[in-house]
Structure formats: structure tokens, C-alpha cells
N, C-alpha and C. Protein backbone atom coordinates (compact mmCIF):
# COMPACT_ATOMS: atom_id res chain seq x y z
N MET A 1 -7.51 33.98 -30.89
CA MET A 1 -6.83 32.97 -30.63
C MET A 1 -7.83 31.77 -30.97
N THR A 2 -7.19 30.87 -31.53
CA THR A 2 -7.99 29.84 -31.99
C THR A 2 -7.51 28.58 -31.04
N LYS A 3 -8.48 27.35 -30.59
CA LYS A 3 -8.42 26.31 -29.89
C LYS A 3 -7.70 25.47 -30.62
N ASN A 4 -6.66 24.55 -29.78
CA ASN A 4 -5.92 23.60 -30.42
C ASN A 4 -6.88 22.39 -30.13
N LYS A 5 -7.18 21.43 -31.12
CA LYS A 5 -8.31 20.30 -30.96
C LYS A 5 -7.77 19.19 -30.22
N ASN A 6 -6.31 19.22 -30.08
CA ASN A 6 -5.84 17.86 -29.10
C ASN A 6 -5.68 18.44 -27.83
N GLU A 7 -6.37 19.83 -27.26
CA GLU A 7 -6.30 20.39 -25.74
C GLU A 7 -7.45 20.29 -25.12
N PRO A 8 -7.14 19.45 -24.05
CA PRO A 8 -9.23 19.07 -23.51
C PRO A 8 -9.43 20.62 -22.94
N SER A 9 -10.49 20.73 -22.86
CA SER A 9 -11.29 22.22 -22.81
C SER A 9 -11.17 22.26 -21.24
N ASN A 10 -10.92 21.53 -20.30
CA ASN A 10 -11.23 21.68 -18.87
C ASN A 10 -9.72 21.35 -18.31
N GLY A 11 -8.67 21.11 -19.09
CA GLY A 11 -7.36 20.85 -18.47
C GLY A 11 -7.26 19.35 -18.13
N PHE A 12 -8.62 18.86 -17.95
CA PHE A 12 -7.75 17.21 -17.64
C PHE A 12 -8.79 16.47 -18.41
N LYS A 13 -8.19 15.43 -19.12
CA LYS A 13 -8.75 14.28 -20.10
C LYS A 13 -9.58 13.56 -19.18
N THR A 14 -10.60 13.10 -19.45
CA THR A 14 -11.39 11.94 -18.62
C THR A 14 -11.40 10.70 -19.30
N GLU A 15 -11.42 11.15 -20.47
CA GLU A 15 -11.94 9.71 -21.32
C GLU A 15 -10.80 8.96 -21.35
N LYS A 16 -11.03 7.23 -20.96
CA LYS A 16 -10.21 6.30 -20.90
C LYS A 16 -9.07 6.37 -22.20
N ILE A 17 -7.92 6.10 -21.52
CA ILE A 17 -6.87 5.91 -22.93
C ILE A 17 -6.70 4.50 -22.99
N ASN A 18 -6.92 3.85 -24.53
CA ASN A 18 -6.49 2.39 -24.50
C ASN A 18 -4.92 2.34 -25.12
N ASN A 19 -3.65 2.87 -24.30
CA ASN A 19 -2.60 2.77 -24.71
C ASN A 19 -2.03 2.00 -23.62
N PRO A 20 -1.64 0.73 -23.78
CA PRO A 20 -1.02 0.12 -22.45
C PRO A 20 0.33 0.27 -22.25
N ASN A 21 1.08 1.24 -23.14
CA ASN A 21 2.72 1.29 -23.08
C ASN A 21 2.86 2.90 -22.39
N ARG A 22 1.79 3.61 -22.27
CA ARG A 22 2.10 4.55 -21.65
C ARG A 22 2.69 4.74 -20.08
N LYS A 23 3.25 5.62 -19.51
CA LYS A 23 4.06 5.53 -18.52
C LYS A 23 3.31 5.18 -17.33
N PHE A 24 2.11 5.61 -17.17
CA PHE A 24 1.00 5.29 -15.71
C PHE A 24 0.06 4.24 -16.08
N ALA A 25 0.36 3.27 -17.31
CA ALA A 25 -1.18 2.55 -17.41
C ALA A 25 -1.34 1.66 -16.52
N TRP A 26 -0.48 1.17 -15.63
CA TRP A 26 -0.54 0.33 -14.45
C TRP A 26 -1.36 0.89 -13.20
N MET A 27 -1.79 1.82 -13.36
CA MET A 27 -2.35 2.78 -12.22
C MET A 27 -3.99 2.69 -12.47
N ASP A 28 -4.47 2.33 -14.09
CA ASP A 28 -6.02 2.16 -14.32
C ASP A 28 -6.42 1.30 -13.38
N LYS A 29 -5.71 0.22 -12.99
CA LYS A 29 -6.53 -0.71 -12.11
C LYS A 29 -6.74 -0.43 -10.70
N TRP A 30 -5.65 0.31 -10.14
CA TRP A 30 -5.82 0.90 -9.00
C TRP A 30 -6.85 1.87 -8.72
N ILE A 31 -7.06 2.74 -9.72
CA ILE A 31 -7.88 3.99 -10.03
C ILE A 31 -9.36 3.33 -9.69
N LYS A 32 -9.59 2.30 -10.77
CA LYS A 32 -10.73 1.85 -10.73
C LYS A 32 -11.33 1.10 -9.37
N MET A 33 -10.20 0.35 -8.86
CA MET A 33 -10.45 -0.10 -7.29
C MET A 33 -10.85 0.57 -6.36
N THR A 34 -10.13 2.03 -6.27
CA THR A 34 -10.40 3.11 -5.53
C THR A 34 -12.02 3.65 -5.52
N GLY A 35 -12.51 3.62 -6.83
CA GLY A 35 -13.79 4.23 -6.98
C GLY A 35 -14.78 2.95 -6.34
N ASP A 36 -14.47 1.81 -6.51
CA ASP A 36 -15.24 0.65 -6.11
C ASP A 36 -15.36 0.47 -4.47
N MET A 37 -14.18 0.80 -3.77
CA MET A 37 -14.04 0.84 -2.54
C MET A 37 -14.78 2.08 -2.04
N ALA A 38 -14.85 3.03 -2.60
CA ALA A 38 -15.48 4.46 -2.37
C ALA A 38 -17.31 3.82 -2.05
N ARG A 39 -17.59 3.37 -3.32
CA ARG A 39 -18.81 2.78 -3.15
C ARG A 39 -19.43 1.86 -2.21
N ILE A 40 -18.53 0.88 -2.04
CA ILE A 40 -18.77 -0.10 -0.83
C ILE A 40 -18.82 0.40 0.52
N ASP A 41 -17.59 1.37 0.91
CA ASP A 41 -17.58 2.06 1.79
C ASP A 41 -18.70 3.01 1.97
N ALA A 42 -19.36 3.80 1.55
CA ALA A 42 -20.57 4.54 1.66
C ALA A 42 -21.81 3.70 1.61
N LYS A 43 -21.84 2.33 0.98
CA LYS A 43 -22.79 1.32 1.41
C LYS A 43 -23.10 1.39 2.66
N ALA A 44 -21.91 0.74 3.13
CA ALA A 44 -21.56 0.34 4.52
C ALA A 44 -22.30 1.33 5.71
N ASN A 45 -21.65 2.50 5.42
CA ASN A 45 -21.93 3.86 6.20
C ASN A 45 -23.39 4.52 5.94
N GLY A 46 -24.05 3.98 5.04
CA GLY A 46 -25.36 4.64 4.62
C GLY A 46 -25.09 5.89 4.30
N THR A 47 -23.90 6.31 3.48
CA THR A 47 -23.78 7.87 3.08
C THR A 47 -23.69 7.37 1.53
N TYR A 48 -23.50 8.86 1.07
CA TYR A 48 -23.38 8.85 -0.67
C TYR A 48 -21.66 9.44 -0.57
N ILE A 49 -21.40 9.16 -2.25
CA ILE A 49 -20.53 9.54 -2.87
C ILE A 49 -20.43 10.61 -3.92
N ILE A 50 -19.38 11.17 -4.18
CA ILE A 50 -19.47 12.31 -4.76
C ILE A 50 -18.50 12.25 -6.09
N TYR A 51 -18.95 12.08 -7.43
CA TYR A 51 -17.97 12.12 -8.27
C TYR A 51 -18.15 12.82 -9.88
N GLU A 52 -17.60 13.02 -10.52
CA GLU A 52 -17.96 13.72 -12.09
C GLU A 52 -18.12 12.67 -12.78
N LYS A 53 -19.34 13.05 -13.68
CA LYS A 53 -20.00 12.03 -14.76
C LYS A 53 -20.14 13.14 -15.80
N ASN A 54 -19.83 12.87 -17.01
CA ASN A 54 -20.22 13.72 -17.88
C ASN A 54 -19.77 15.35 -17.92
N GLY A 55 -18.87 15.59 -17.37
CA GLY A 55 -18.61 17.02 -16.90
C GLY A 55 -19.35 17.47 -16.07
N GLU A 56 -19.94 16.69 -14.91
CA GLU A 56 -21.08 17.29 -13.91
C GLU A 56 -20.67 16.65 -12.59
N LEU A 57 -20.82 17.07 -11.16
CA LEU A 57 -20.62 16.52 -10.39
C LEU A 57 -22.24 16.03 -9.90
N VAL A 58 -22.21 14.59 -9.45
CA VAL A 58 -23.39 13.92 -9.16
C VAL A 58 -23.00 13.19 -7.69
N LYS A 59 -24.14 12.85 -7.17
CA LYS A 59 -24.38 12.30 -5.77
C LYS A 59 -24.83 10.89 -5.93
N GLU A 60 -24.42 9.94 -5.53
CA GLU A 60 -24.44 8.62 -5.95
C GLU A 60 -25.05 7.95 -4.36
N TYR A 61 -26.13 7.72 -4.05
CA TYR A 61 -26.07 7.02 -2.80
C TYR A 61 -26.67 5.60 -2.95
N PRO A 62 -26.16 4.90 -1.79
CA PRO A 62 -26.34 3.29 -1.73
C PRO A 62 -27.13 2.47 -2.43
N ASN A 63 -28.27 2.98 -2.43
CA ASN A 63 -29.42 2.42 -3.28
C ASN A 63 -29.36 2.48 -4.95
N GLY A 64 -28.67 3.20 -5.15
CA GLY A 64 -27.79 3.16 -6.54
C GLY A 64 -28.59 4.75 -7.33
N ASP A 65 -29.44 5.43 -6.37
CA ASP A 65 -29.91 6.71 -7.33
C ASP A 65 -28.74 7.66 -7.50
N ILE A 66 -28.73 8.30 -8.60
CA ILE A 66 -27.64 9.05 -8.65
C ILE A 66 -28.44 10.47 -9.02
N PHE A 67 -28.09 11.43 -8.44
CA PHE A 67 -28.44 13.13 -8.49
C PHE A 67 -27.65 14.01 -9.17
N PRO A 68 -27.83 15.07 -9.97
CA PRO A 68 -26.87 15.87 -9.72
C PRO A 68 -26.53 16.87 -8.58
N LEU A 69 -25.26 17.31 -8.30
CA LEU A 69 -24.89 18.09 -7.26
C LEU A 69 -25.22 19.82 -7.54
N HIS A 70 -26.10 20.02 -6.74
CA HIS A 70 -26.33 21.44 -6.95
C HIS A 70 -25.55 22.27 -5.83
N GLU A 71 -24.71 23.29 -6.15
CA GLU A 71 -24.10 23.79 -5.21
C GLU A 71 -24.65 25.16 -5.23
N ASN A 72 -25.23 25.56 -3.69
CA ASN A 72 -25.38 27.13 -3.70
C ASN A 72 -24.61 27.78 -3.94
N LYS A 73 -24.58 28.79 -4.99
CA LYS A 73 -23.51 29.99 -5.21
C LYS A 73 -23.89 31.16 -4.74
N GLU A 74 -24.21 31.21 -3.47
CA GLU A 74 -24.63 32.61 -2.95
C GLU A 74 -23.19 33.43 -2.25
N SER A 75 -23.33 34.42 -2.54
CA SER A 75 -22.14 35.34 -2.12
C SER A 75 -22.53 35.74 -0.44
């Protein structure tokens, strides 16, 4: 079976789409604001946030340090 080059590998398209005529383009601003508010809340509470960066989960601490999230895969 060949892979369609237009089909994303993980099922989610994460790169920004520069098409202002798409149906939910207005949500881009709100999505960015949600991430910004998470950073502000984490800094205020002295905790970290977890998000996906370059296909990998990372932890970002209030001081700006970013580390990969290593999950223990023990059964």
C-alpha cells in the first residue's frame, strides 16, 4: 500500500495553514491565546506546561527551560 503524500503521518496537521478563507481560521487567534495563558498560569503557580514540539512531548518550566517528556513505559 502506498502512502498518499497529502495525508499527514500522525493524523493531525500541526503546521500553520496560511489560508484565511478556511472555515475555522478565526480560531487561530484563540488557540494561540490559550497557549499564552497556560504559560502565564504556569509561571504564576510555579509549575510547568506540557505540549508537542516537533512531534515530541516537552515540558516547559516557568524559567524558560524546555526538556523532553520521558514517559516510563513499564508494564
